[in-house]
């Protein structure tokens, strides 16, 4: 089964390239849909895992940390990528694991 987030890579690359040079340089969690953040928390927690949200020191990327799904791992989403698209993929990935 392919990860929905991996399937989104070409679309994220297109978005990243389109946003290059537009002044988007800092990750801002307020730009993410609150509903998608809540759905991501619910989907990850239903798998008995934990999720943490943050950003890199330079604020150039969002950081999502998943704990409890094997080894803890961080995923980095550039500020120029679509955070809502990433969250949608994360939700779908964790929901498909439950099915």
PDB file of N, CA and C in Angstrom:
ATOM      1  N   UNK A   1       0.843  -1.179   0.000  1.00  0.00           N
ATOM      2  CA  UNK A   1       0.000   0.000   0.000  1.00  0.00           C
ATOM      3  C   UNK A   1       0.888   1.242   0.000  1.00  0.00           C
ATOM      4  N   UNK A   2       0.682   2.107  -0.940  1.00  0.00           N
ATOM      5  CA  UNK A   2       1.461   3.343  -1.025  1.00  0.00           C
ATOM      6  C   UNK A   2       0.909   4.365  -0.038  1.00  0.00           C
ATOM      7  N   UNK A   3       1.806   5.106   0.547  1.00  0.00           N
ATOM      8  CA  UNK A   3       1.415   6.158   1.474  1.00  0.00           C
ATOM      9  C   UNK A   3       0.785   7.311   0.696  1.00  0.00           C
ATOM     10  N   UNK A   4      -0.319   7.821   1.208  1.00  0.00           N
ATOM     11  CA  UNK A   4      -0.986   8.949   0.563  1.00  0.00           C
ATOM     12  C   UNK A   4      -0.032  10.150   0.511  1.00  0.00           C
ATOM     13  N   UNK A   5       0.767  10.318   1.555  1.00  0.00           N
ATOM     14  CA  UNK A   5       1.717  11.438   1.574  1.00  0.00           C
ATOM     15  C   UNK A   5       2.768  11.283   0.486  1.00  0.00           C
ATOM     16  N   UNK A   6       3.193  10.046   0.195  1.00  0.00           N
ATOM     17  CA  UNK A   6       4.164   9.832  -0.884  1.00  0.00           C
ATOM     18  C   UNK A   6       3.515  10.092  -2.248  1.00  0.00           C
ATOM     19  N   UNK A   7       2.246   9.705  -2.362  1.00  0.00           N
ATOM     20  CA  UNK A   7       1.524   9.958  -3.612  1.00  0.00           C
ATOM     21  C   UNK A   7       1.367  11.460  -3.870  1.00  0.00           C
ATOM     22  N   UNK A   8       1.339  12.257  -2.806  1.00  0.00           N
ATOM     23  CA  UNK A   8       1.163  13.704  -2.941  1.00  0.00           C
ATOM     24  C   UNK A   8       2.457  14.429  -3.292  1.00  0.00           C
ATOM     25  N   UNK A   9       3.584  13.741  -3.279  1.00  0.00           N
ATOM     26  CA  UNK A   9       4.880  14.388  -3.499  1.00  0.00           C
ATOM     27  C   UNK A   9       4.933  15.212  -4.787  1.00  0.00           C
ATOM     28  N   UNK A  10       4.445  14.699  -5.924  1.00  0.00           N
ATOM     29  CA  UNK A  10       4.495  15.530  -7.137  1.00  0.00           C
ATOM     30  C   UNK A  10       3.665  16.813  -7.008  1.00  0.00           C
ATOM     31  N   UNK A  11       2.504  16.726  -6.368  1.00  0.00           N
ATOM     32  CA  UNK A  11       1.666  17.912  -6.187  1.00  0.00           C
ATOM     33  C   UNK A  11       2.336  18.899  -5.237  1.00  0.00           C
ATOM     34  N   UNK A  12       2.946  18.394  -4.163  1.00  0.00           N
ATOM     35  CA  UNK A  12       3.650  19.285  -3.243  1.00  0.00           C
ATOM     36  C   UNK A  12       4.830  19.958  -3.946  1.00  0.00           C
ATOM     37  N   UNK A  13       5.520  19.235  -4.814  1.00  0.00           N
ATOM     38  CA  UNK A  13       6.643  19.809  -5.570  1.00  0.00           C
ATOM     39  C   UNK A  13       6.142  20.919  -6.489  1.00  0.00           C
ATOM     40  N   UNK A  14       4.985  20.693  -7.132  1.00  0.00           N
ATOM     41  CA  UNK A  14       4.413  21.717  -7.999  1.00  0.00           C
ATOM     42  C   UNK A  14       4.050  22.972  -7.191  1.00  0.00           C
ATOM     43  N   UNK A  15       3.425  22.771  -6.029  1.00  0.00           N
ATOM     44  CA  UNK A  15       3.045  23.895  -5.169  1.00  0.00           C
ATOM     45  C   UNK A  15       4.290  24.631  -4.682  1.00  0.00           C
ATOM     46  N   UNK A  16       5.309  23.865  -4.262  1.00  0.00           N
ATOM     47  CA  UNK A  16       6.555  24.462  -3.772  1.00  0.00           C
ATOM     48  C   UNK A  16       7.198  25.322  -4.855  1.00  0.00           C
ATOM     49  N   UNK A  17       7.240  24.802  -6.078  1.00  0.00           N
ATOM     50  CA  UNK A  17       7.832  25.561  -7.182  1.00  0.00           C
ATOM     51  C   UNK A  17       7.008  26.804  -7.512  1.00  0.00           C
ATOM     52  N   UNK A  18       5.687  26.692  -7.444  1.00  0.00           N
ATOM     53  CA  UNK A  18       4.824  27.844  -7.723  1.00  0.00           C
ATOM     54  C   UNK A  18       4.989  28.924  -6.665  1.00  0.00           C
ATOM     55  N   UNK A  19       5.277  28.528  -5.428  1.00  0.00           N
ATOM     56  CA  UNK A  19       5.427  29.492  -4.337  1.00  0.00           C
ATOM     57  C   UNK A  19       6.832  30.055  -4.210  1.00  0.00           C
ATOM     58  N   UNK A  20       7.766  29.528  -4.975  1.00  0.00           N
ATOM     59  CA  UNK A  20       9.147  29.993  -4.908  1.00  0.00           C
ATOM     60  C   UNK A  20       9.207  31.473  -5.293  1.00  0.00           C
ATOM     61  N   UNK A  21       9.826  32.266  -4.437  1.00  0.00           N
ATOM     62  CA  UNK A  21      10.008  33.683  -4.723  1.00  0.00           C
ATOM     63  C   UNK A  21       8.772  34.539  -4.476  1.00  0.00           C
ATOM     64  N   UNK A  22       7.759  33.992  -3.806  1.00  0.00           N
ATOM     65  CA  UNK A  22       6.531  34.760  -3.575  1.00  0.00           C
ATOM     66  C   UNK A  22       6.516  35.416  -2.199  1.00  0.00           C
ATOM     67  N   UNK A  23       7.583  35.250  -1.426  1.00  0.00           N
ATOM     68  CA  UNK A  23       7.636  35.835  -0.097  1.00  0.00           C
ATOM     69  C   UNK A  23       7.226  34.876   1.007  1.00  0.00           C
ATOM     70  N   UNK A  24       6.746  33.683   0.644  1.00  0.00           N
ATOM     71  CA  UNK A  24       6.428  32.676   1.672  1.00  0.00           C
ATOM     72  C   UNK A  24       7.749  32.071   2.115  1.00  0.00           C
ATOM     73  N   UNK A  25       8.156  32.394   3.331  1.00  0.00           N
ATOM     74  CA  UNK A  25       9.435  31.899   3.820  1.00  0.00           C
ATOM     75  C   UNK A  25       9.334  31.269   5.195  1.00  0.00           C
ATOM     76  N   UNK A  26       8.252  31.577   5.934  1.00  0.00           N
ATOM     77  CA  UNK A  26       8.128  31.068   7.290  1.00  0.00           C
ATOM     78  C   UNK A  26       6.879  30.200   7.431  1.00  0.00           C
ATOM     79  N   UNK A  27       7.054  29.077   8.106  1.00  0.00           N
ATOM     80  CA  UNK A  27       5.923  28.207   8.405  1.00  0.00           C
ATOM     81  C   UNK A  27       5.041  28.901   9.441  1.00  0.00           C
ATOM     82  N   UNK A  28       3.744  28.818   9.262  1.00  0.00           N
ATOM     83  CA  UNK A  28       2.803  29.473  10.168  1.00  0.00           C
ATOM     84  C   UNK A  28       1.619  28.533  10.375  1.00  0.00           C
ATOM     85  N   UNK A  29       1.539  27.931  11.573  1.00  0.00           N
ATOM     86  CA  UNK A  29       0.479  26.970  11.838  1.00  0.00           C
ATOM     87  C   UNK A  29      -0.907  27.587  11.745  1.00  0.00           C
ATOM     88  N   UNK A  30      -1.012  28.911  11.866  1.00  0.00           N
ATOM     89  CA  UNK A  30      -2.340  29.534  11.747  1.00  0.00           C
ATOM     90  C   UNK A  30      -2.870  29.445  10.322  1.00  0.00           C
ATOM     91  N   UNK A  31      -1.996  29.108   9.370  1.00  0.00           N
ATOM     92  CA  UNK A  31      -2.456  28.936   7.987  1.00  0.00           C
ATOM     93  C   UNK A  31      -3.079  27.556   7.762  1.00  0.00           C
ATOM     94  N   UNK A  32      -2.888  26.646   8.720  1.00  0.00           N
ATOM     95  CA  UNK A  32      -3.455  25.292   8.608  1.00  0.00           C
ATOM     96  C   UNK A  32      -4.902  25.298   9.083  1.00  0.00           C
ATOM     97  N   UNK A  33      -5.700  24.459   8.476  1.00  0.00           N
ATOM     98  CA  UNK A  33      -7.099  24.310   8.874  1.00  0.00           C
ATOM     99  C   UNK A  33      -7.179  23.690  10.268  1.00  0.00           C
ATOM    100  N   UNK A  34      -7.859  24.377  11.190  1.00  0.00           N
ATOM    101  CA  UNK A  34      -8.022  23.854  12.549  1.00  0.00           C
ATOM    102  C   UNK A  34      -8.755  22.517  12.533  1.00  0.00           C
ATOM    103  N   UNK A  35      -9.706  22.378  11.619  1.00  0.00           N
ATOM    104  CA  UNK A  35     -10.442  21.126  11.503  1.00  0.00           C
ATOM    105  C   UNK A  35      -9.549  19.971  11.090  1.00  0.00           C
ATOM    106  N   UNK A  36      -8.626  20.235  10.152  1.00  0.00           N
ATOM    107  CA  UNK A  36      -7.706  19.176   9.717  1.00  0.00           C
ATOM    108  C   UNK A  36      -6.721  18.811  10.823  1.00  0.00           C
ATOM    109  N   UNK A  37      -6.287  19.807  11.600  1.00  0.00           N
ATOM    110  CA  UNK A  37      -5.394  19.511  12.720  1.00  0.00           C
ATOM    111  C   UNK A  37      -6.116  18.602  13.713  1.00  0.00           C
ATOM    112  N   UNK A  38      -7.368  18.925  14.020  1.00  0.00           N
ATOM    113  CA  UNK A  38      -8.150  18.102  14.950  1.00  0.00           C
ATOM    114  C   UNK A  38      -8.351  16.692  14.401  1.00  0.00           C
ATOM    115  N   UNK A  39      -8.646  16.569  13.112  1.00  0.00           N
ATOM    116  CA  UNK A  39      -8.833  15.250  12.504  1.00  0.00           C
ATOM    117  C   UNK A  39      -7.535  14.449  12.524  1.00  0.00           C
ATOM    118  N   UNK A  40      -6.393  15.131  12.311  1.00  0.00           N
ATOM    119  CA  UNK A  40      -5.098  14.455  12.354  1.00  0.00           C
ATOM    120  C   UNK A  40      -4.819  13.917  13.754  1.00  0.00           C
ATOM    121  N   UNK A  41      -5.097  14.726  14.770  1.00  0.00           N
ATOM    122  CA  UNK A  41      -4.903  14.287  16.154  1.00  0.00           C
ATOM    123  C   UNK A  41      -5.777  13.052  16.422  1.00  0.00           C
ATOM    124  N   UNK A  42      -7.037  13.111  16.026  1.00  0.00           N
ATOM    125  CA  UNK A  42      -7.958  11.995  16.256  1.00  0.00           C
ATOM    126  C   UNK A  42      -7.490  10.729  15.532  1.00  0.00           C
ATOM    127  N   UNK A  43      -7.104  10.865  14.266  1.00  0.00           N
ATOM    128  CA  UNK A  43      -6.689   9.682  13.489  1.00  0.00           C
ATOM    129  C   UNK A  43      -5.434   9.043  14.067  1.00  0.00           C
ATOM    130  N   UNK A  44      -4.459   9.856  14.458  1.00  0.00           N
ATOM    131  CA  UNK A  44      -3.208   9.322  15.005  1.00  0.00           C
ATOM    132  C   UNK A  44      -3.452   8.706  16.380  1.00  0.00           C
ATOM    133  N   UNK A  45      -4.230   9.380  17.217  1.00  0.00           N
ATOM    134  CA  UNK A  45      -4.488   8.872  18.569  1.00  0.00           C
ATOM    135  C   UNK A  45      -5.316   7.589  18.553  1.00  0.00           C
ATOM    136  N   UNK A  46      -6.183   7.415  17.559  1.00  0.00           N
ATOM    137  CA  UNK A  46      -6.949   6.167  17.451  1.00  0.00           C
ATOM    138  C   UNK A  46      -6.036   4.976  17.208  1.00  0.00           C
ATOM    139  N   UNK A  47      -4.846   5.240  16.658  1.00  0.00           N
ATOM    140  CA  UNK A  47      -3.856   4.173  16.432  1.00  0.00           C
ATOM    141  C   UNK A  47      -2.952   3.997  17.646  1.00  0.00           C
ATOM    142  N   UNK A  48      -3.333   4.629  18.770  1.00  0.00           N
ATOM    143  CA  UNK A  48      -2.558   4.566  20.009  1.00  0.00           C
ATOM    144  C   UNK A  48      -1.167   5.158  19.834  1.00  0.00           C
ATOM    145  N   UNK A  49      -1.094   6.211  19.033  1.00  0.00           N
ATOM    146  CA  UNK A  49       0.138   6.958  18.814  1.00  0.00           C
ATOM    147  C   UNK A  49      -0.063   8.388  19.308  1.00  0.00           C
ATOM    148  N   UNK A  50       1.000   9.137  19.348  1.00  0.00           N
ATOM    149  CA  UNK A  50       0.939  10.551  19.720  1.00  0.00           C
ATOM    150  C   UNK A  50       1.444  11.386  18.551  1.00  0.00           C
ATOM    151  N   UNK A  51       0.990  12.624  18.502  1.00  0.00           N
ATOM    152  CA  UNK A  51       1.409  13.537  17.447  1.00  0.00           C
ATOM    153  C   UNK A  51       1.809  14.858  18.094  1.00  0.00           C
ATOM    154  N   UNK A  52       2.891  15.429  17.609  1.00  0.00           N
ATOM    155  CA  UNK A  52       3.373  16.718  18.096  1.00  0.00           C
ATOM    156  C   UNK A  52       3.550  17.639  16.898  1.00  0.00           C
ATOM    157  N   UNK A  53       3.251  18.903  17.106  1.00  0.00           N
ATOM    158  CA  UNK A  53       3.377  19.900  16.046  1.00  0.00           C
ATOM    159  C   UNK A  53       4.420  20.937  16.451  1.00  0.00           C
ATOM    160  N   UNK A  54       5.229  21.334  15.497  1.00  0.00           N
ATOM    161  CA  UNK A  54       6.231  22.359  15.762  1.00  0.00           C
ATOM    162  C   UNK A  54       6.738  22.934  14.461  1.00  0.00           C
ATOM    163  N   UNK A  55       7.891  23.564  14.550  1.00  0.00           N
ATOM    164  CA  UNK A  55       8.541  24.092  13.351  1.00  0.00           C
ATOM    165  C   UNK A  55      10.044  24.105  13.568  1.00  0.00           C
ATOM    166  N   UNK A  56      10.766  24.224  12.489  1.00  0.00           N
ATOM    167  CA  UNK A  56      12.217  24.270  12.581  1.00  0.00           C
ATOM    168  C   UNK A  56      12.648  25.588  13.211  1.00  0.00           C
ATOM    169  N   UNK A  57      13.894  25.626  13.695  1.00  0.00           N
ATOM    170  CA  UNK A  57      14.406  26.828  14.351  1.00  0.00           C
ATOM    171  C   UNK A  57      14.320  28.063  13.465  1.00  0.00           C
ATOM    172  N   UNK A  58      14.601  27.880  12.189  1.00  0.00           N
ATOM    173  CA  UNK A  58      14.574  29.029  11.267  1.00  0.00           C
ATOM    174  C   UNK A  58      13.163  29.349  10.779  1.00  0.00           C
ATOM    175  N   UNK A  59      12.175  28.569  11.252  1.00  0.00           N
ATOM    176  CA  UNK A  59      10.768  28.723  10.891  1.00  0.00           C
ATOM    177  C   UNK A  59      10.498  28.509   9.403  1.00  0.00           C
ATOM    178  N   UNK A  60      11.418  27.804   8.731  1.00  0.00           N
ATOM    179  CA  UNK A  60      11.270  27.555   7.310  1.00  0.00           C
ATOM    180  C   UNK A  60      10.458  26.314   6.977  1.00  0.00           C
ATOM    181  N   UNK A  61      10.127  25.519   8.006  1.00  0.00           N
ATOM    182  CA  UNK A  61       9.369  24.301   7.764  1.00  0.00           C
ATOM    183  C   UNK A  61       8.547  23.936   8.993  1.00  0.00           C
ATOM    184  N   UNK A  62       7.395  23.323   8.720  1.00  0.00           N
ATOM    185  CA  UNK A  62       6.580  22.733   9.771  1.00  0.00           C
ATOM    186  C   UNK A  62       7.238  21.416  10.163  1.00  0.00           C
ATOM    187  N   UNK A  63       7.050  20.987  11.412  1.00  0.00           N
ATOM    188  CA  UNK A  63       7.528  19.685  11.852  1.00  0.00           C
ATOM    189  C   UNK A  63       6.354  18.952  12.494  1.00  0.00           C
ATOM    190  N   UNK A  64       6.126  17.725  12.044  1.00  0.00           N
ATOM    191  CA  UNK A  64       5.120  16.854  12.650  1.00  0.00           C
ATOM    192  C   UNK A  64       5.870  15.629  13.152  1.00  0.00           C
ATOM    193  N   UNK A  65       5.745  15.362  14.442  1.00  0.00           N
ATOM    194  CA  UNK A  65       6.418  14.210  15.057  1.00  0.00           C
ATOM    195  C   UNK A  65       5.364  13.171  15.428  1.00  0.00           C
ATOM    196  N   UNK A  66       5.607  11.943  15.026  1.00  0.00           N
ATOM    197  CA  UNK A  66       4.726  10.824  15.342  1.00  0.00           C
ATOM    198  C   UNK A  66       5.480   9.914  16.314  1.00  0.00           C
ATOM    199  N   UNK A  67       4.847   9.597  17.435  1.00  0.00           N
ATOM    200  CA  UNK A  67       5.443   8.753  18.467  1.00  0.00           C
ATOM    201  C   UNK A  67       4.504   7.571  18.708  1.00  0.00           C
ATOM    202  N   UNK A  68       5.069   6.374  18.762  1.00  0.00           N
ATOM    203  CA  UNK A  68       4.268   5.202  19.073  1.00  0.00           C
ATOM    204  C   UNK A  68       4.000   4.306  17.883  1.00  0.00           C
ATOM    205  N   UNK A  69       4.474   4.698  16.708  1.00  0.00           N
ATOM    206  CA  UNK A  69       4.308   3.917  15.486  1.00  0.00           C
ATOM    207  C   UNK A  69       5.681   3.366  15.107  1.00  0.00           C
ATOM    208  N   UNK A  70       6.241   2.504  15.966  1.00  0.00           N
ATOM    209  CA  UNK A  70       7.620   2.073  15.791  1.00  0.00           C
ATOM    210  C   UNK A  70       8.528   3.126  16.407  1.00  0.00           C
ATOM    211  N   UNK A  71       9.606   3.430  15.745  1.00  0.00           N
ATOM    212  CA  UNK A  71      10.511   4.474  16.224  1.00  0.00           C
ATOM    213  C   UNK A  71       9.872   5.846  16.010  1.00  0.00           C
ATOM    214  N   UNK A  72      10.006   6.765  16.976  1.00  0.00           N
ATOM    215  CA  UNK A  72       9.495   8.128  16.755  1.00  0.00           C
ATOM    216  C   UNK A  72      10.166   8.730  15.520  1.00  0.00           C
ATOM    217  N   UNK A  73       9.417   9.498  14.767  1.00  0.00           N
ATOM    218  CA  UNK A  73       9.992  10.126  13.590  1.00  0.00           C
ATOM    219  C   UNK A  73       9.389  11.507  13.369  1.00  0.00           C
ATOM    220  N   UNK A  74      10.163  12.355  12.728  1.00  0.00           N
ATOM    221  CA  UNK A  74       9.725  13.701  12.368  1.00  0.00           C
ATOM    222  C   UNK A  74       9.501  13.771  10.866  1.00  0.00           C
ATOM    223  N   UNK A  75       8.475  14.481  10.477  1.00  0.00           N
ATOM    224  CA  UNK A  75       8.259  14.800   9.067  1.00  0.00           C
ATOM    225  C   UNK A  75       8.344  16.314   8.929  1.00  0.00           C
ATOM    226  N   UNK A  76       9.074  16.760   7.925  1.00  0.00           N
ATOM    227  CA  UNK A  76       9.282  18.177   7.694  1.00  0.00           C
ATOM    228  C   UNK A  76       8.505  18.593   6.448  1.00  0.00           C
ATOM    229  N   UNK A  77       7.703  19.643   6.584  1.00  0.00           N
ATOM    230  CA  UNK A  77       6.904  20.156   5.473  1.00  0.00           C
ATOM    231  C   UNK A  77       7.330  21.602   5.264  1.00  0.00           C
ATOM    232  N   UNK A  78       7.899  21.884   4.119  1.00  0.00           N
ATOM    233  CA  UNK A  78       8.388  23.240   3.852  1.00  0.00           C
ATOM    234  C   UNK A  78       7.255  24.254   3.916  1.00  0.00           C
ATOM    235  N   UNK A  79       7.606  25.471   4.290  1.00  0.00           N
ATOM    236  CA  UNK A  79       6.617  26.552   4.360  1.00  0.00           C
ATOM    237  C   UNK A  79       5.965  26.797   3.007  1.00  0.00           C
ATOM    238  N   UNK A  80       6.671  26.493   1.942  1.00  0.00           N
ATOM    239  CA  UNK A  80       6.141  26.719   0.595  1.00  0.00           C
ATOM    240  C   UNK A  80       5.244  25.598   0.113  1.00  0.00           C
ATOM    241  N   UNK A  81       5.113  24.519   0.921  1.00  0.00           N
ATOM    242  CA  UNK A  81       4.219  23.422   0.578  1.00  0.00           C
ATOM    243  C   UNK A  81       2.854  23.657   1.209  1.00  0.00           C
ATOM    244  N   UNK A  82       1.874  22.901   0.783  1.00  0.00           N
ATOM    245  CA  UNK A  82       0.501  23.040   1.265  1.00  0.00           C
ATOM    246  C   UNK A  82       0.322  22.184   2.522  1.00  0.00           C
ATOM    247  N   UNK A  83       0.283  22.827   3.691  1.00  0.00           N
ATOM    248  CA  UNK A  83       0.172  22.089   4.950  1.00  0.00           C
ATOM    249  C   UNK A  83      -1.162  21.351   5.038  1.00  0.00           C
ATOM    250  N   UNK A  84      -2.223  21.909   4.482  1.00  0.00           N
ATOM    251  CA  UNK A  84      -3.515  21.220   4.514  1.00  0.00           C
ATOM    252  C   UNK A  84      -3.488  19.954   3.665  1.00  0.00           C
ATOM    253  N   UNK A  85      -2.812  19.988   2.540  1.00  0.00           N
ATOM    254  CA  UNK A  85      -2.673  18.792   1.704  1.00  0.00           C
ATOM    255  C   UNK A  85      -1.900  17.723   2.464  1.00  0.00           C
ATOM    256  N   UNK A  86      -0.840  18.122   3.156  1.00  0.00           N
ATOM    257  CA  UNK A  86      -0.072  17.175   3.964  1.00  0.00           C
ATOM    258  C   UNK A  86      -0.959  16.557   5.045  1.00  0.00           C
ATOM    259  N   UNK A  87      -1.698  17.398   5.789  1.00  0.00           N
ATOM    260  CA  UNK A  87      -2.551  16.902   6.869  1.00  0.00           C
ATOM    261  C   UNK A  87      -3.612  15.938   6.339  1.00  0.00           C
ATOM    262  N   UNK A  88      -4.179  16.243   5.188  1.00  0.00           N
ATOM    263  CA  UNK A  88      -5.170  15.355   4.581  1.00  0.00           C
ATOM    264  C   UNK A  88      -4.557  13.985   4.299  1.00  0.00           C
ATOM    265  N   UNK A  89      -3.349  13.975   3.766  1.00  0.00           N
ATOM    266  CA  UNK A  89      -2.655  12.708   3.507  1.00  0.00           C
ATOM    267  C   UNK A  89      -2.345  11.950   4.784  1.00  0.00           C
ATOM    268  N   UNK A  90      -1.924  12.663   5.817  1.00  0.00           N
ATOM    269  CA  UNK A  90      -1.636  12.034   7.109  1.00  0.00           C
ATOM    270  C   UNK A  90      -2.891  11.369   7.675  1.00  0.00           C
ATOM    271  N   UNK A  91      -3.998  12.086   7.625  1.00  0.00           N
ATOM    272  CA  UNK A  91      -5.281  11.550   8.108  1.00  0.00           C
ATOM    273  C   UNK A  91      -5.650  10.296   7.328  1.00  0.00           C
ATOM    274  N   UNK A  92      -5.578  10.364   6.005  1.00  0.00           N
ATOM    275  CA  UNK A  92      -5.929   9.211   5.171  1.00  0.00           C
ATOM    276  C   UNK A  92      -5.013   8.025   5.443  1.00  0.00           C
ATOM    277  N   UNK A  93      -3.714   8.287   5.629  1.00  0.00           N
ATOM    278  CA  UNK A  93      -2.776   7.203   5.921  1.00  0.00           C
ATOM    279  C   UNK A  93      -3.136   6.505   7.217  1.00  0.00           C
ATOM    280  N   UNK A  94      -3.399   7.261   8.277  1.00  0.00           N
ATOM    281  CA  UNK A  94      -3.706   6.639   9.565  1.00  0.00           C
ATOM    282  C   UNK A  94      -5.083   6.001   9.574  1.00  0.00           C
ATOM    283  N   UNK A  95      -6.037   6.558   8.837  1.00  0.00           N
ATOM    284  CA  UNK A  95      -7.349   5.925   8.763  1.00  0.00           C
ATOM    285  C   UNK A  95      -7.291   4.630   7.976  1.00  0.00           C
ATOM    286  N   UNK A  96      -6.463   4.569   6.941  1.00  0.00           N
ATOM    287  CA  UNK A  96      -6.368   3.346   6.141  1.00  0.00           C
ATOM    288  C   UNK A  96      -5.699   2.230   6.939  1.00  0.00           C
ATOM    289  N   UNK A  97      -4.843   2.578   7.867  1.00  0.00           N
ATOM    290  CA  UNK A  97      -4.216   1.577   8.732  1.00  0.00           C
ATOM    291  C   UNK A  97      -5.272   0.932   9.612  1.00  0.00           C
ATOM    292  N   UNK A  98      -6.287   1.717   9.994  1.00  0.00           N
ATOM    293  CA  UNK A  98      -7.333   1.216  10.895  1.00  0.00           C
ATOM    294  C   UNK A  98      -8.300   0.291  10.182  1.00  0.00           C
ATOM    295  N   UNK A  99      -8.438   0.430   8.871  1.00  0.00           N
ATOM    296  CA  UNK A  99      -9.417  -0.374   8.124  1.00  0.00           C
ATOM    297  C   UNK A  99      -8.974  -1.804   7.953  1.00  0.00           C
TER     298      UNK A  99
END
